[in-house]
């Protein structure tokens, strides 16, 4: 008997479902945790991009428009 068939007979109806938990008693699957990491990483890069865009605006575009003189 192959490993796949053996696993199917052991798991029964749960075969092919994502039932692997991070820790026993915590209802978060490994796929959910991987999705969370992917979303937060994407969000972090978006935030970094927005911070750079804001910095470029304040540092270079703002003085070119005369905003520095208005502040002083």
PDB file of N, CA and C in Angstrom:
ATOM      1  N   UNK A   1       0.850  -1.172   0.000  1.00  0.00           N
ATOM      2  CA  UNK A   1       0.000   0.000   0.000  1.00  0.00           C
ATOM      3  C   UNK A   1       0.898   1.238   0.000  1.00  0.00           C
ATOM      4  N   UNK A   2       0.584   2.201  -0.850  1.00  0.00           N
ATOM      5  CA  UNK A   2       1.367   3.424  -0.933  1.00  0.00           C
ATOM      6  C   UNK A   2       1.055   4.369   0.215  1.00  0.00           C
ATOM      7  N   UNK A   3       1.901   5.362   0.373  1.00  0.00           N
ATOM      8  CA  UNK A   3       1.745   6.323   1.474  1.00  0.00           C
ATOM      9  C   UNK A   3       0.437   7.096   1.352  1.00  0.00           C
ATOM     10  N   UNK A   4       0.066   7.464   0.141  1.00  0.00           N
ATOM     11  CA  UNK A   4      -1.166   8.220  -0.067  1.00  0.00           C
ATOM     12  C   UNK A   4      -2.384   7.413   0.359  1.00  0.00           C
ATOM     13  N   UNK A   5      -2.439   6.155  -0.035  1.00  0.00           N
ATOM     14  CA  UNK A   5      -3.578   5.307   0.341  1.00  0.00           C
ATOM     15  C   UNK A   5      -3.605   5.067   1.843  1.00  0.00           C
ATOM     16  N   UNK A   6      -2.452   4.889   2.437  1.00  0.00           N
ATOM     17  CA  UNK A   6      -2.367   4.678   3.882  1.00  0.00           C
ATOM     18  C   UNK A   6      -2.881   5.921   4.619  1.00  0.00           C
ATOM     19  N   UNK A   7      -2.468   7.085   4.154  1.00  0.00           N
ATOM     20  CA  UNK A   7      -2.916   8.333   4.777  1.00  0.00           C
ATOM     21  C   UNK A   7      -4.423   8.502   4.611  1.00  0.00           C
ATOM     22  N   UNK A   8      -4.938   8.109   3.439  1.00  0.00           N
ATOM     23  CA  UNK A   8      -6.372   8.237   3.178  1.00  0.00           C
ATOM     24  C   UNK A   8      -7.175   7.339   4.109  1.00  0.00           C
ATOM     25  N   UNK A   9      -6.704   6.131   4.352  1.00  0.00           N
ATOM     26  CA  UNK A   9      -7.439   5.234   5.242  1.00  0.00           C
ATOM     27  C   UNK A   9      -7.365   5.716   6.687  1.00  0.00           C
ATOM     28  N   UNK A  10      -6.263   6.311   7.084  1.00  0.00           N
ATOM     29  CA  UNK A  10      -6.132   6.801   8.461  1.00  0.00           C
ATOM     30  C   UNK A  10      -6.987   8.038   8.688  1.00  0.00           C
ATOM     31  N   UNK A  11      -6.964   8.993   7.744  1.00  0.00           N
ATOM     32  CA  UNK A  11      -7.688  10.247   7.930  1.00  0.00           C
ATOM     33  C   UNK A  11      -9.174  10.126   7.641  1.00  0.00           C
ATOM     34  N   UNK A  12      -9.558   9.247   6.780  1.00  0.00           N
ATOM     35  CA  UNK A  12     -10.980   9.063   6.479  1.00  0.00           C
ATOM     36  C   UNK A  12     -11.559  10.267   5.757  1.00  0.00           C
ATOM     37  N   UNK A  13     -12.618  10.862   6.352  1.00  0.00           N
ATOM     38  CA  UNK A  13     -13.295  12.005   5.722  1.00  0.00           C
ATOM     39  C   UNK A  13     -12.444  13.270   5.727  1.00  0.00           C
ATOM     40  N   UNK A  14     -11.458  13.357   6.594  1.00  0.00           N
ATOM     41  CA  UNK A  14     -10.614  14.546   6.670  1.00  0.00           C
ATOM     42  C   UNK A  14      -9.486  14.545   5.640  1.00  0.00           C
ATOM     43  N   UNK A  15      -9.422  13.509   4.803  1.00  0.00           N
ATOM     44  CA  UNK A  15      -8.345  13.406   3.810  1.00  0.00           C
ATOM     45  C   UNK A  15      -8.457  14.547   2.798  1.00  0.00           C
ATOM     46  N   UNK A  16      -7.375  15.255   2.593  1.00  0.00           N
ATOM     47  CA  UNK A  16      -7.330  16.354   1.632  1.00  0.00           C
ATOM     48  C   UNK A  16      -7.750  17.691   2.201  1.00  0.00           C
ATOM     49  N   UNK A  17      -8.186  17.723   3.433  1.00  0.00           N
ATOM     50  CA  UNK A  17      -8.602  18.978   4.064  1.00  0.00           C
ATOM     51  C   UNK A  17      -7.433  19.552   4.848  1.00  0.00           C
ATOM     52  N   UNK A  18      -7.458  20.858   5.003  1.00  0.00           N
ATOM     53  CA  UNK A  18      -6.395  21.544   5.741  1.00  0.00           C
ATOM     54  C   UNK A  18      -6.741  21.530   7.225  1.00  0.00           C
ATOM     55  N   UNK A  19      -6.275  20.526   7.935  1.00  0.00           N
ATOM     56  CA  UNK A  19      -6.595  20.385   9.350  1.00  0.00           C
ATOM     57  C   UNK A  19      -5.363  20.531  10.235  1.00  0.00           C
ATOM     58  N   UNK A  20      -4.220  20.828   9.639  1.00  0.00           N
ATOM     59  CA  UNK A  20      -3.008  20.989  10.435  1.00  0.00           C
ATOM     60  C   UNK A  20      -3.074  22.303  11.200  1.00  0.00           C
ATOM     61  N   UNK A  21      -3.026  22.200  12.494  1.00  0.00           N
ATOM     62  CA  UNK A  21      -3.084  23.382  13.363  1.00  0.00           C
ATOM     63  C   UNK A  21      -1.670  23.804  13.736  1.00  0.00           C
ATOM     64  N   UNK A  22      -1.514  25.096  14.036  1.00  0.00           N
ATOM     65  CA  UNK A  22      -0.218  25.596  14.490  1.00  0.00           C
ATOM     66  C   UNK A  22       0.096  25.007  15.859  1.00  0.00           C
ATOM     67  N   UNK A  23      -0.833  25.172  16.774  1.00  0.00           N
ATOM     68  CA  UNK A  23      -0.718  24.598  18.120  1.00  0.00           C
ATOM     69  C   UNK A  23      -2.036  23.918  18.466  1.00  0.00           C
ATOM     70  N   UNK A  24      -1.998  22.854  19.212  1.00  0.00           N
ATOM     71  CA  UNK A  24      -3.256  22.220  19.616  1.00  0.00           C
ATOM     72  C   UNK A  24      -4.096  23.182  20.456  1.00  0.00           C
ATOM     73  N   UNK A  25      -5.364  23.253  20.160  1.00  0.00           N
ATOM     74  CA  UNK A  25      -6.256  24.129  20.918  1.00  0.00           C
ATOM     75  C   UNK A  25      -6.413  25.508  20.324  1.00  0.00           C
ATOM     76  N   UNK A  26      -5.573  25.886  19.374  1.00  0.00           N
ATOM     77  CA  UNK A  26      -5.700  27.192  18.727  1.00  0.00           C
ATOM     78  C   UNK A  26      -6.269  26.960  17.330  1.00  0.00           C
ATOM     79  N   UNK A  27      -7.427  27.548  17.021  1.00  0.00           N
ATOM     80  CA  UNK A  27      -8.098  27.234  15.754  1.00  0.00           C
ATOM     81  C   UNK A  27      -7.527  28.005  14.554  1.00  0.00           C
ATOM     82  N   UNK A  28      -6.223  27.974  14.386  1.00  0.00           N
ATOM     83  CA  UNK A  28      -5.581  28.626  13.248  1.00  0.00           C
ATOM     84  C   UNK A  28      -4.783  27.567  12.492  1.00  0.00           C
ATOM     85  N   UNK A  29      -5.082  27.428  11.207  1.00  0.00           N
ATOM     86  CA  UNK A  29      -4.388  26.419  10.412  1.00  0.00           C
ATOM     87  C   UNK A  29      -3.080  26.991   9.872  1.00  0.00           C
ATOM     88  N   UNK A  30      -2.251  26.108   9.367  1.00  0.00           N
ATOM     89  CA  UNK A  30      -0.971  26.546   8.811  1.00  0.00           C
ATOM     90  C   UNK A  30      -1.189  27.397   7.567  1.00  0.00           C
ATOM     91  N   UNK A  31      -2.209  27.089   6.779  1.00  0.00           N
ATOM     92  CA  UNK A  31      -2.500  27.888   5.586  1.00  0.00           C
ATOM     93  C   UNK A  31      -2.950  29.289   5.972  1.00  0.00           C
ATOM     94  N   UNK A  32      -3.770  29.399   7.005  1.00  0.00           N
ATOM     95  CA  UNK A  32      -4.211  30.710   7.468  1.00  0.00           C
ATOM     96  C   UNK A  32      -3.036  31.535   7.964  1.00  0.00           C
ATOM     97  N   UNK A  33      -2.094  30.905   8.652  1.00  0.00           N
ATOM     98  CA  UNK A  33      -0.934  31.651   9.138  1.00  0.00           C
ATOM     99  C   UNK A  33      -0.043  32.086   7.979  1.00  0.00           C
ATOM    100  N   UNK A  34       0.095  31.242   6.958  1.00  0.00           N
ATOM    101  CA  UNK A  34       0.882  31.620   5.785  1.00  0.00           C
ATOM    102  C   UNK A  34       0.217  32.764   5.032  1.00  0.00           C
ATOM    103  N   UNK A  35      -1.112  32.733   4.922  1.00  0.00           N
ATOM    104  CA  UNK A  35      -1.839  33.832   4.282  1.00  0.00           C
ATOM    105  C   UNK A  35      -1.672  35.129   5.067  1.00  0.00           C
ATOM    106  N   UNK A  36      -1.703  35.043   6.390  1.00  0.00           N
ATOM    107  CA  UNK A  36      -1.517  36.225   7.230  1.00  0.00           C
ATOM    108  C   UNK A  36      -0.141  36.844   6.999  1.00  0.00           C
ATOM    109  N   UNK A  37       0.881  36.022   6.940  1.00  0.00           N
ATOM    110  CA  UNK A  37       2.234  36.519   6.698  1.00  0.00           C
ATOM    111  C   UNK A  37       2.316  37.174   5.323  1.00  0.00           C
ATOM    112  N   UNK A  38       1.682  36.575   4.323  1.00  0.00           N
ATOM    113  CA  UNK A  38       1.709  37.139   2.972  1.00  0.00           C
ATOM    114  C   UNK A  38       1.020  38.503   2.938  1.00  0.00           C
ATOM    115  N   UNK A  39      -0.147  38.614   3.560  1.00  0.00           N
ATOM    116  CA  UNK A  39      -0.878  39.887   3.567  1.00  0.00           C
ATOM    117  C   UNK A  39      -0.124  40.973   4.341  1.00  0.00           C
ATOM    118  N   UNK A  40       0.427  40.621   5.491  1.00  0.00           N
ATOM    119  CA  UNK A  40       1.128  41.639   6.278  1.00  0.00           C
ATOM    120  C   UNK A  40       2.424  42.069   5.598  1.00  0.00           C
ATOM    121  N   UNK A  41       3.084  41.146   4.905  1.00  0.00           N
ATOM    122  CA  UNK A  41       4.289  41.523   4.155  1.00  0.00           C
ATOM    123  C   UNK A  41       3.937  42.469   3.023  1.00  0.00           C
ATOM    124  N   UNK A  42       2.870  42.164   2.323  1.00  0.00           N
ATOM    125  CA  UNK A  42       2.417  43.046   1.238  1.00  0.00           C
ATOM    126  C   UNK A  42       2.047  44.428   1.796  1.00  0.00           C
ATOM    127  N   UNK A  43       1.350  44.444   2.912  1.00  0.00           N
ATOM    128  CA  UNK A  43       0.971  45.714   3.528  1.00  0.00           C
ATOM    129  C   UNK A  43       2.175  46.519   3.983  1.00  0.00           C
ATOM    130  N   UNK A  44       3.185  45.827   4.489  1.00  0.00           N
ATOM    131  CA  UNK A  44       4.400  46.519   4.919  1.00  0.00           C
ATOM    132  C   UNK A  44       5.094  47.168   3.730  1.00  0.00           C
ATOM    133  N   UNK A  45       5.187  46.475   2.608  1.00  0.00           N
ATOM    134  CA  UNK A  45       5.819  47.053   1.422  1.00  0.00           C
ATOM    135  C   UNK A  45       5.020  48.226   0.881  1.00  0.00           C
ATOM    136  N   UNK A  46       3.704  48.151   0.947  1.00  0.00           N
ATOM    137  CA  UNK A  46       2.872  49.287   0.525  1.00  0.00           C
ATOM    138  C   UNK A  46       3.140  50.480   1.440  1.00  0.00           C
ATOM    139  N   UNK A  47       3.230  50.237   2.743  1.00  0.00           N
ATOM    140  CA  UNK A  47       3.533  51.317   3.681  1.00  0.00           C
ATOM    141  C   UNK A  47       4.897  51.930   3.445  1.00  0.00           C
ATOM    142  N   UNK A  48       5.885  51.105   3.137  1.00  0.00           N
ATOM    143  CA  UNK A  48       7.227  51.623   2.834  1.00  0.00           C
ATOM    144  C   UNK A  48       7.179  52.492   1.582  1.00  0.00           C
ATOM    145  N   UNK A  49       6.461  52.037   0.569  1.00  0.00           N
ATOM    146  CA  UNK A  49       6.330  52.823  -0.662  1.00  0.00           C
ATOM    147  C   UNK A  49       5.646  54.155  -0.418  1.00  0.00           C
ATOM    148  N   UNK A  50       4.596  54.159   0.397  1.00  0.00           N
ATOM    149  CA  UNK A  50       3.915  55.412   0.718  1.00  0.00           C
ATOM    150  C   UNK A  50       4.807  56.350   1.524  1.00  0.00           C
ATOM    151  N   UNK A  51       5.605  55.796   2.430  1.00  0.00           N
ATOM    152  CA  UNK A  51       6.521  56.623   3.213  1.00  0.00           C
ATOM    153  C   UNK A  51       7.582  57.260   2.312  1.00  0.00           C
ATOM    154  N   UNK A  52       8.076  56.502   1.350  1.00  0.00           N
ATOM    155  CA  UNK A  52       9.069  57.054   0.418  1.00  0.00           C
ATOM    156  C   UNK A  52       8.435  58.143  -0.439  1.00  0.00           C
ATOM    157  N   UNK A  53       7.216  57.911  -0.917  1.00  0.00           N
ATOM    158  CA  UNK A  53       6.522  58.916  -1.724  1.00  0.00           C
ATOM    159  C   UNK A  53       6.289  60.194  -0.920  1.00  0.00           C
ATOM    160  N   UNK A  54       5.909  60.062   0.333  1.00  0.00           N
ATOM    161  CA  UNK A  54       5.710  61.235   1.192  1.00  0.00           C
ATOM    162  C   UNK A  54       7.028  61.969   1.409  1.00  0.00           C
ATOM    163  N   UNK A  55       8.096  61.226   1.651  1.00  0.00           N
ATOM    164  CA  UNK A  55       9.406  61.835   1.859  1.00  0.00           C
ATOM    165  C   UNK A  55       9.864  62.603   0.616  1.00  0.00           C
ATOM    166  N   UNK A  56       9.701  61.993  -0.557  1.00  0.00           N
ATOM    167  CA  UNK A  56      10.099  62.669  -1.803  1.00  0.00           C
ATOM    168  C   UNK A  56       9.282  63.939  -1.987  1.00  0.00           C
ATOM    169  N   UNK A  57       7.998  63.869  -1.679  1.00  0.00           N
ATOM    170  CA  UNK A  57       7.138  65.048  -1.815  1.00  0.00           C
ATOM    171  C   UNK A  57       7.599  66.160  -0.885  1.00  0.00           C
ATOM    172  N   UNK A  58       7.839  65.827   0.367  1.00  0.00           N
ATOM    173  CA  UNK A  58       8.238  66.851   1.332  1.00  0.00           C
ATOM    174  C   UNK A  58       9.643  67.365   1.040  1.00  0.00           C
ATOM    175  N   UNK A  59      10.550  66.471   0.676  1.00  0.00           N
ATOM    176  CA  UNK A  59      11.965  66.839   0.520  1.00  0.00           C
ATOM    177  C   UNK A  59      12.247  67.598  -0.763  1.00  0.00           C
ATOM    178  N   UNK A  60      11.654  67.192  -1.881  1.00  0.00           N
ATOM    179  CA  UNK A  60      12.009  67.775  -3.170  1.00  0.00           C
ATOM    180  C   UNK A  60      10.898  68.622  -3.791  1.00  0.00           C
ATOM    181  N   UNK A  61       9.685  68.136  -3.782  1.00  0.00           N
ATOM    182  CA  UNK A  61       8.604  68.855  -4.449  1.00  0.00           C
ATOM    183  C   UNK A  61       8.141  70.047  -3.619  1.00  0.00           C
ATOM    184  N   UNK A  62       8.059  69.869  -2.305  1.00  0.00           N
ATOM    185  CA  UNK A  62       7.600  70.944  -1.428  1.00  0.00           C
ATOM    186  C   UNK A  62       8.447  72.206  -1.523  1.00  0.00           C
ATOM    187  N   UNK A  63       9.767  72.126  -1.387  1.00  0.00           N
ATOM    188  CA  UNK A  63      10.585  73.345  -1.518  1.00  0.00           C
ATOM    189  C   UNK A  63      10.494  73.958  -2.913  1.00  0.00           C
ATOM    190  N   UNK A  64      10.310  73.125  -3.926  1.00  0.00           N
ATOM    191  CA  UNK A  64      10.174  73.662  -5.278  1.00  0.00           C
ATOM    192  C   UNK A  64       8.905  74.465  -5.448  1.00  0.00           C
ATOM    193  N   UNK A  65       7.892  74.169  -4.680  1.00  0.00           N
ATOM    194  CA  UNK A  65       6.631  74.902  -4.747  1.00  0.00           C
ATOM    195  C   UNK A  65       6.599  76.072  -3.769  1.00  0.00           C
ATOM    196  N   UNK A  66       7.642  76.254  -2.998  1.00  0.00           N
ATOM    197  CA  UNK A  66       7.702  77.366  -2.064  1.00  0.00           C
ATOM    198  C   UNK A  66       7.095  77.069  -0.715  1.00  0.00           C
ATOM    199  N   UNK A  67       6.882  75.802  -0.382  1.00  0.00           N
ATOM    200  CA  UNK A  67       6.291  75.476   0.903  1.00  0.00           C
ATOM    201  C   UNK A  67       7.243  75.769   2.046  1.00  0.00           C
ATOM    202  N   UNK A  68       8.548  75.739   1.816  1.00  0.00           N
ATOM    203  CA  UNK A  68       9.503  75.974   2.889  1.00  0.00           C
ATOM    204  C   UNK A  68       9.408  77.418   3.366  1.00  0.00           C
ATOM    205  N   UNK A  69       9.272  78.340   2.441  1.00  0.00           N
ATOM    206  CA  UNK A  69       9.200  79.749   2.808  1.00  0.00           C
ATOM    207  C   UNK A  69       7.911  80.060   3.568  1.00  0.00           C
ATOM    208  N   UNK A  70       6.852  79.339   3.279  1.00  0.00           N
ATOM    209  CA  UNK A  70       5.596  79.548   3.974  1.00  0.00           C
ATOM    210  C   UNK A  70       5.692  79.098   5.434  1.00  0.00           C
ATOM    211  N   UNK A  71       6.490  78.093   5.685  1.00  0.00           N
ATOM    212  CA  UNK A  71       6.618  77.566   7.041  1.00  0.00           C
ATOM    213  C   UNK A  71       7.506  78.439   7.908  1.00  0.00           C
ATOM    214  N   UNK A  72       8.394  79.201   7.317  1.00  0.00           N
ATOM    215  CA  UNK A  72       9.308  80.033   8.113  1.00  0.00           C
ATOM    216  C   UNK A  72       8.869  81.452   8.192  1.00  0.00           C
TER     217      UNK A  72
END
